[in-house]
Amino acid sequence: MTYVVTEACIKCKYTDCVEVCPVDCFHEGENMLVIDPEICIDCGICEPECPAEAILADVDEQAAKWLELNAEYATKWPVLSRARGHAPDAADWEQVENKFENHFSASPGNGDEPKAA
C-alpha cells in the first residue's frame, strides 16, 4: 500500500503533509504535490495533516486513478522535504470541482531549491 495525492491538492498545495513525512517522498509541481509510491513507507502520517483532504491510501477506490499520476510526476518533479506556505487563495480552491481538467499544471515546482529572485 502507498498513499497518493489527489485532485483536491491542485491550486491549494498545502505542505503540512511534507513536514511530517519521515522519508521525503513528496515532489512539488507548480500547483500540486505528489507522493512517490516507490519511496512512501505507508505510514499514513501525512493523510490527516492535509487540510484539503487530498491524500488517500491507494486501496481507496477513488485513489486508483491518482496512483499513476503520482508515480509519473514523482519522477519529473523535484523533492520537497520541508513545509512552505500554501497558496494564498488555497481555501477558495478547496471545494472547486474538476480542478484536474481545468487547472492541473505539469510544470515542476521549485522543490527544496530556493526560489529565484
N, C-alpha and C. Protein backbone atom coordinates (compact mmCIF):
# COMPACT_ATOMS: atom_id res chain seq x y z
N MET A 1 0.84 -1.18 0.00
CA MET A 1 0.00 0.00 0.00
C MET A 1 0.88 1.24 0.00
N THR A 2 0.38 2.30 -0.60
CA THR A 2 1.02 3.60 -0.58
C THR A 2 -0.07 4.65 -0.46
N TYR A 3 0.32 5.87 -0.32
CA TYR A 3 -0.62 6.98 -0.28
C TYR A 3 -0.44 7.79 -1.55
N VAL A 4 -1.50 8.47 -1.97
CA VAL A 4 -1.46 9.29 -3.17
C VAL A 4 -2.08 10.65 -2.89
N VAL A 5 -1.62 11.63 -3.64
CA VAL A 5 -2.21 12.96 -3.59
C VAL A 5 -3.21 13.04 -4.73
N THR A 6 -4.37 13.60 -4.46
CA THR A 6 -5.46 13.65 -5.43
C THR A 6 -5.73 15.09 -5.89
N GLU A 7 -6.73 15.21 -6.71
CA GLU A 7 -7.14 16.47 -7.31
C GLU A 7 -7.35 17.59 -6.29
N ALA A 8 -7.76 17.25 -5.09
CA ALA A 8 -8.04 18.27 -4.08
C ALA A 8 -6.82 19.14 -3.76
N CYS A 9 -5.63 18.67 -4.07
CA CYS A 9 -4.41 19.43 -3.81
C CYS A 9 -4.19 20.56 -4.82
N ILE A 10 -4.72 20.40 -6.01
CA ILE A 10 -4.47 21.36 -7.08
C ILE A 10 -4.94 22.76 -6.67
N LYS A 11 -4.05 23.72 -6.82
CA LYS A 11 -4.26 25.13 -6.51
C LYS A 11 -4.32 25.43 -5.01
N CYS A 12 -4.23 24.42 -4.16
CA CYS A 12 -4.17 24.63 -2.71
C CYS A 12 -2.72 24.46 -2.26
N LYS A 13 -2.18 23.30 -2.56
CA LYS A 13 -0.79 22.96 -2.29
C LYS A 13 -0.36 23.26 -0.85
N TYR A 14 -1.18 22.77 0.08
CA TYR A 14 -0.76 22.83 1.48
C TYR A 14 0.46 21.93 1.64
N THR A 15 1.35 22.27 2.52
CA THR A 15 2.55 21.45 2.69
C THR A 15 2.68 20.90 4.11
N ASP A 16 1.59 20.90 4.86
CA ASP A 16 1.59 20.33 6.20
C ASP A 16 2.03 18.86 6.15
N CYS A 17 1.60 18.15 5.11
CA CYS A 17 1.92 16.74 4.92
C CYS A 17 3.42 16.52 4.76
N VAL A 18 4.07 17.43 4.07
CA VAL A 18 5.50 17.33 3.80
C VAL A 18 6.29 17.39 5.10
N GLU A 19 5.85 18.25 5.97
CA GLU A 19 6.55 18.47 7.24
C GLU A 19 6.63 17.20 8.10
N VAL A 20 5.62 16.35 8.04
CA VAL A 20 5.58 15.16 8.89
C VAL A 20 6.13 13.90 8.22
N CYS A 21 6.38 13.96 6.93
CA CYS A 21 6.83 12.77 6.20
C CYS A 21 8.25 12.37 6.63
N PRO A 22 8.42 11.13 7.11
CA PRO A 22 9.74 10.71 7.58
C PRO A 22 10.70 10.29 6.46
N VAL A 23 10.21 10.18 5.21
CA VAL A 23 11.07 9.66 4.14
C VAL A 23 11.18 10.58 2.92
N ASP A 24 10.71 11.77 3.00
CA ASP A 24 10.83 12.73 1.89
C ASP A 24 10.31 12.17 0.57
N CYS A 25 9.07 11.69 0.57
CA CYS A 25 8.50 11.11 -0.64
C CYS A 25 7.64 12.08 -1.43
N PHE A 26 7.54 13.33 -0.98
CA PHE A 26 6.74 14.32 -1.70
C PHE A 26 7.56 15.02 -2.78
N HIS A 27 6.90 15.28 -3.90
CA HIS A 27 7.50 16.00 -5.01
C HIS A 27 6.58 17.16 -5.34
N GLU A 28 7.18 18.29 -5.74
CA GLU A 28 6.42 19.51 -5.94
C GLU A 28 6.27 19.88 -7.41
N GLY A 29 5.00 20.04 -7.80
CA GLY A 29 4.68 20.60 -9.10
C GLY A 29 4.33 22.06 -8.92
N GLU A 30 4.07 22.71 -10.01
CA GLU A 30 3.74 24.14 -9.96
C GLU A 30 2.53 24.42 -9.08
N ASN A 31 1.50 23.55 -9.14
CA ASN A 31 0.31 23.84 -8.34
C ASN A 31 -0.25 22.65 -7.57
N MET A 32 0.55 21.61 -7.39
CA MET A 32 0.13 20.49 -6.54
C MET A 32 1.36 19.68 -6.13
N LEU A 33 1.16 18.78 -5.22
CA LEU A 33 2.20 17.85 -4.78
C LEU A 33 1.83 16.45 -5.22
N VAL A 34 2.81 15.56 -5.28
CA VAL A 34 2.56 14.14 -5.50
C VAL A 34 3.44 13.35 -4.53
N ILE A 35 3.09 12.10 -4.32
CA ILE A 35 3.85 11.18 -3.48
C ILE A 35 4.51 10.14 -4.36
N ASP A 36 5.78 9.90 -4.14
CA ASP A 36 6.49 8.86 -4.88
C ASP A 36 6.13 7.51 -4.25
N PRO A 37 5.37 6.66 -4.96
CA PRO A 37 4.95 5.39 -4.38
C PRO A 37 6.11 4.43 -4.12
N GLU A 38 7.25 4.66 -4.76
CA GLU A 38 8.42 3.82 -4.54
C GLU A 38 9.12 4.16 -3.23
N ILE A 39 8.91 5.36 -2.73
CA ILE A 39 9.58 5.80 -1.50
C ILE A 39 8.65 5.80 -0.30
N CYS A 40 7.36 6.01 -0.54
CA CYS A 40 6.37 6.05 0.55
C CYS A 40 6.45 4.74 1.35
N ILE A 41 6.49 4.87 2.67
CA ILE A 41 6.57 3.69 3.54
C ILE A 41 5.21 3.33 4.14
N ASP A 42 4.16 3.93 3.63
CA ASP A 42 2.80 3.59 4.04
C ASP A 42 2.49 3.88 5.50
N CYS A 43 3.16 4.86 6.06
CA CYS A 43 2.94 5.15 7.48
C CYS A 43 1.62 5.87 7.72
N GLY A 44 1.14 6.62 6.73
CA GLY A 44 -0.14 7.30 6.85
C GLY A 44 -0.13 8.58 7.67
N ILE A 45 1.03 9.00 8.12
CA ILE A 45 1.12 10.21 8.95
C ILE A 45 0.66 11.44 8.18
N CYS A 46 0.88 11.47 6.88
CA CYS A 46 0.54 12.63 6.07
C CYS A 46 -0.96 12.83 5.88
N GLU A 47 -1.70 11.76 5.81
CA GLU A 47 -3.12 11.83 5.45
C GLU A 47 -3.93 12.78 6.34
N PRO A 48 -3.86 12.66 7.66
CA PRO A 48 -4.68 13.56 8.49
C PRO A 48 -4.14 14.99 8.55
N GLU A 49 -2.93 15.21 8.06
CA GLU A 49 -2.34 16.55 8.11
C GLU A 49 -2.82 17.45 6.99
N CYS A 50 -3.43 16.91 5.96
CA CYS A 50 -3.83 17.70 4.79
C CYS A 50 -5.17 18.40 5.03
N PRO A 51 -5.16 19.74 5.10
CA PRO A 51 -6.40 20.47 5.32
C PRO A 51 -7.42 20.29 4.19
N ALA A 52 -6.95 20.00 2.98
CA ALA A 52 -7.84 19.82 1.83
C ALA A 52 -8.31 18.38 1.67
N GLU A 53 -7.84 17.50 2.55
CA GLU A 53 -8.18 16.07 2.49
C GLU A 53 -7.84 15.49 1.11
N ALA A 54 -6.66 15.86 0.61
CA ALA A 54 -6.23 15.46 -0.73
C ALA A 54 -5.43 14.17 -0.75
N ILE A 55 -5.15 13.58 0.39
CA ILE A 55 -4.31 12.38 0.44
C ILE A 55 -5.17 11.17 0.80
N LEU A 56 -5.02 10.12 -0.01
CA LEU A 56 -5.77 8.88 0.22
C LEU A 56 -4.84 7.68 0.15
N ALA A 57 -5.20 6.63 0.86
CA ALA A 57 -4.49 5.36 0.71
C ALA A 57 -4.85 4.79 -0.65
N ASP A 58 -3.92 4.14 -1.29
CA ASP A 58 -4.19 3.63 -2.64
C ASP A 58 -5.23 2.52 -2.68
N VAL A 59 -5.63 2.00 -1.54
CA VAL A 59 -6.68 0.98 -1.51
C VAL A 59 -8.08 1.61 -1.62
N ASP A 60 -8.16 2.92 -1.44
CA ASP A 60 -9.42 3.63 -1.62
C ASP A 60 -9.74 3.64 -3.12
N GLU A 61 -10.94 3.26 -3.52
CA GLU A 61 -11.25 3.19 -4.95
C GLU A 61 -11.12 4.53 -5.65
N GLN A 62 -11.26 5.63 -4.93
CA GLN A 62 -11.09 6.96 -5.52
C GLN A 62 -9.62 7.26 -5.82
N ALA A 63 -8.72 6.52 -5.19
CA ALA A 63 -7.29 6.78 -5.34
C ALA A 63 -6.66 6.09 -6.54
N ALA A 64 -7.32 5.11 -7.09
CA ALA A 64 -6.71 4.30 -8.16
C ALA A 64 -6.20 5.14 -9.32
N LYS A 65 -6.99 6.07 -9.82
CA LYS A 65 -6.55 6.85 -10.97
C LYS A 65 -5.42 7.81 -10.63
N TRP A 66 -5.24 8.11 -9.35
CA TRP A 66 -4.20 9.05 -8.93
C TRP A 66 -2.85 8.38 -8.72
N LEU A 67 -2.86 7.07 -8.54
CA LEU A 67 -1.60 6.35 -8.32
C LEU A 67 -0.66 6.51 -9.53
N GLU A 68 -1.19 6.36 -10.72
CA GLU A 68 -0.37 6.51 -11.93
C GLU A 68 0.17 7.93 -12.07
N LEU A 69 -0.68 8.91 -11.81
CA LEU A 69 -0.25 10.30 -11.91
C LEU A 69 0.85 10.60 -10.89
N ASN A 70 0.68 10.14 -9.65
CA ASN A 70 1.69 10.36 -8.62
C ASN A 70 3.01 9.72 -9.02
N ALA A 71 2.95 8.48 -9.50
CA ALA A 71 4.17 7.77 -9.90
C ALA A 71 4.86 8.49 -11.05
N GLU A 72 4.10 8.94 -12.03
CA GLU A 72 4.69 9.62 -13.19
C GLU A 72 5.37 10.93 -12.80
N TYR A 73 4.67 11.78 -12.07
CA TYR A 73 5.22 13.09 -11.77
C TYR A 73 6.27 13.07 -10.66
N ALA A 74 6.28 12.03 -9.86
CA ALA A 74 7.35 11.90 -8.85
C ALA A 74 8.70 11.74 -9.54
N THR A 75 8.70 11.23 -10.77
CA THR A 75 9.97 11.10 -11.50
C THR A 75 10.34 12.38 -12.24
N LYS A 76 9.41 13.31 -12.36
CA LYS A 76 9.64 14.54 -13.13
C LYS A 76 9.80 15.78 -12.26
N TRP A 77 9.20 15.78 -11.09
CA TRP A 77 9.19 16.96 -10.24
C TRP A 77 10.21 16.82 -9.12
N PRO A 78 10.73 17.94 -8.60
CA PRO A 78 11.73 17.88 -7.54
C PRO A 78 11.14 17.51 -6.18
N VAL A 79 11.99 16.94 -5.35
CA VAL A 79 11.61 16.58 -3.99
C VAL A 79 11.34 17.84 -3.17
N LEU A 80 10.31 17.78 -2.36
CA LEU A 80 10.03 18.83 -1.38
C LEU A 80 10.03 18.17 -0.02
N SER A 81 10.95 18.56 0.83
CA SER A 81 11.09 17.89 2.13
C SER A 81 10.80 18.81 3.31
N ARG A 82 10.40 20.02 3.04
CA ARG A 82 10.07 20.93 4.15
C ARG A 82 8.82 21.73 3.79
N ALA A 83 8.08 22.05 4.82
CA ALA A 83 6.83 22.78 4.62
C ALA A 83 7.11 24.19 4.11
N ARG A 84 6.18 24.67 3.34
CA ARG A 84 6.19 26.04 2.81
C ARG A 84 4.80 26.60 2.98
N GLY A 85 4.68 27.87 2.81
CA GLY A 85 3.35 28.46 2.83
C GLY A 85 2.52 27.93 1.68
N HIS A 86 1.25 27.75 1.92
CA HIS A 86 0.34 27.26 0.87
C HIS A 86 -0.05 28.43 -0.04
N ALA A 87 -0.77 28.11 -1.09
CA ALA A 87 -1.26 29.15 -1.99
C ALA A 87 -2.11 30.14 -1.19
N PRO A 88 -1.94 31.43 -1.41
CA PRO A 88 -2.67 32.43 -0.62
C PRO A 88 -4.19 32.29 -0.72
N ASP A 89 -4.67 31.79 -1.84
CA ASP A 89 -6.12 31.62 -2.02
C ASP A 89 -6.53 30.15 -1.92
N ALA A 90 -5.75 29.36 -1.21
CA ALA A 90 -6.00 27.92 -1.12
C ALA A 90 -7.41 27.59 -0.65
N ALA A 91 -7.88 28.27 0.36
CA ALA A 91 -9.21 27.98 0.90
C ALA A 91 -10.29 28.18 -0.15
N ASP A 92 -10.09 29.13 -1.05
CA ASP A 92 -11.06 29.38 -2.11
C ASP A 92 -11.14 28.23 -3.11
N TRP A 93 -10.06 27.46 -3.23
CA TRP A 93 -9.99 26.38 -4.20
C TRP A 93 -10.40 25.02 -3.64
N GLU A 94 -10.54 24.91 -2.33
CA GLU A 94 -10.78 23.60 -1.72
C GLU A 94 -12.02 22.88 -2.25
N GLN A 95 -13.08 23.58 -2.52
CA GLN A 95 -14.33 22.94 -2.95
C GLN A 95 -14.59 23.03 -4.45
N VAL A 96 -13.64 23.55 -5.21
CA VAL A 96 -13.81 23.66 -6.66
C VAL A 96 -13.76 22.27 -7.29
N GLU A 97 -14.65 22.00 -8.19
CA GLU A 97 -14.70 20.71 -8.87
C GLU A 97 -13.93 20.76 -10.19
N ASN A 98 -13.58 19.60 -10.70
CA ASN A 98 -12.90 19.46 -11.99
C ASN A 98 -11.59 20.24 -12.05
N LYS A 99 -10.89 20.28 -10.95
CA LYS A 99 -9.63 21.02 -10.92
C LYS A 99 -8.58 20.38 -11.83
N PHE A 100 -8.57 19.06 -11.92
CA PHE A 100 -7.57 18.43 -12.77
C PHE A 100 -7.78 18.83 -14.24
N GLU A 101 -8.98 18.69 -14.71
CA GLU A 101 -9.28 19.02 -16.10
C GLU A 101 -9.03 20.48 -16.42
N ASN A 102 -9.30 21.36 -15.48
CA ASN A 102 -9.25 22.80 -15.76
C ASN A 102 -8.02 23.54 -15.25
N HIS A 103 -7.29 22.95 -14.30
CA HIS A 103 -6.22 23.73 -13.66
C HIS A 103 -4.91 22.98 -13.42
N PHE A 104 -4.83 21.70 -13.71
CA PHE A 104 -3.60 20.96 -13.47
C PHE A 104 -2.46 21.51 -14.33
N SER A 105 -1.29 21.64 -13.72
CA SER A 105 -0.09 22.05 -14.45
C SER A 105 0.94 20.95 -14.35
N ALA A 106 1.50 20.53 -15.47
CA ALA A 106 2.55 19.51 -15.48
C ALA A 106 3.92 20.12 -15.19
N SER A 107 3.99 21.42 -15.06
CA SER A 107 5.27 22.09 -14.79
C SER A 107 5.75 21.78 -13.39
N PRO A 108 7.05 21.63 -13.23
CA PRO A 108 7.60 21.36 -11.90
C PRO A 108 7.56 22.59 -11.01
N GLY A 109 7.57 22.33 -9.71
CA GLY A 109 7.74 23.40 -8.74
C GLY A 109 9.22 23.59 -8.47
N ASN A 110 9.53 24.28 -7.38
CA ASN A 110 10.93 24.54 -7.04
C ASN A 110 11.53 23.48 -6.14
N GLY A 111 10.70 22.65 -5.51
CA GLY A 111 11.25 21.65 -4.60
C GLY A 111 12.00 22.32 -3.45
N ASP A 112 13.09 21.70 -3.05
CA ASP A 112 13.87 22.24 -1.93
C ASP A 112 14.80 23.37 -2.34
N GLU A 113 14.86 23.66 -3.63
CA GLU A 113 15.72 24.76 -4.09
C GLU A 113 15.06 26.10 -3.72
N PRO A 114 15.85 27.07 -3.33
CA PRO A 114 15.27 28.39 -3.05
C PRO A 114 14.73 29.01 -4.33
N LYS A 115 13.66 29.77 -4.20
CA LYS A 115 13.08 30.44 -5.37
C LYS A 115 14.05 31.47 -5.91
N ALA A 116 14.12 31.53 -7.22
CA ALA A 116 14.97 32.53 -7.86
C ALA A 116 14.38 33.92 -7.64
N ALA A 117 15.25 34.89 -7.44
CA ALA A 117 14.77 36.25 -7.18
C ALA A 117 14.29 36.93 -8.42
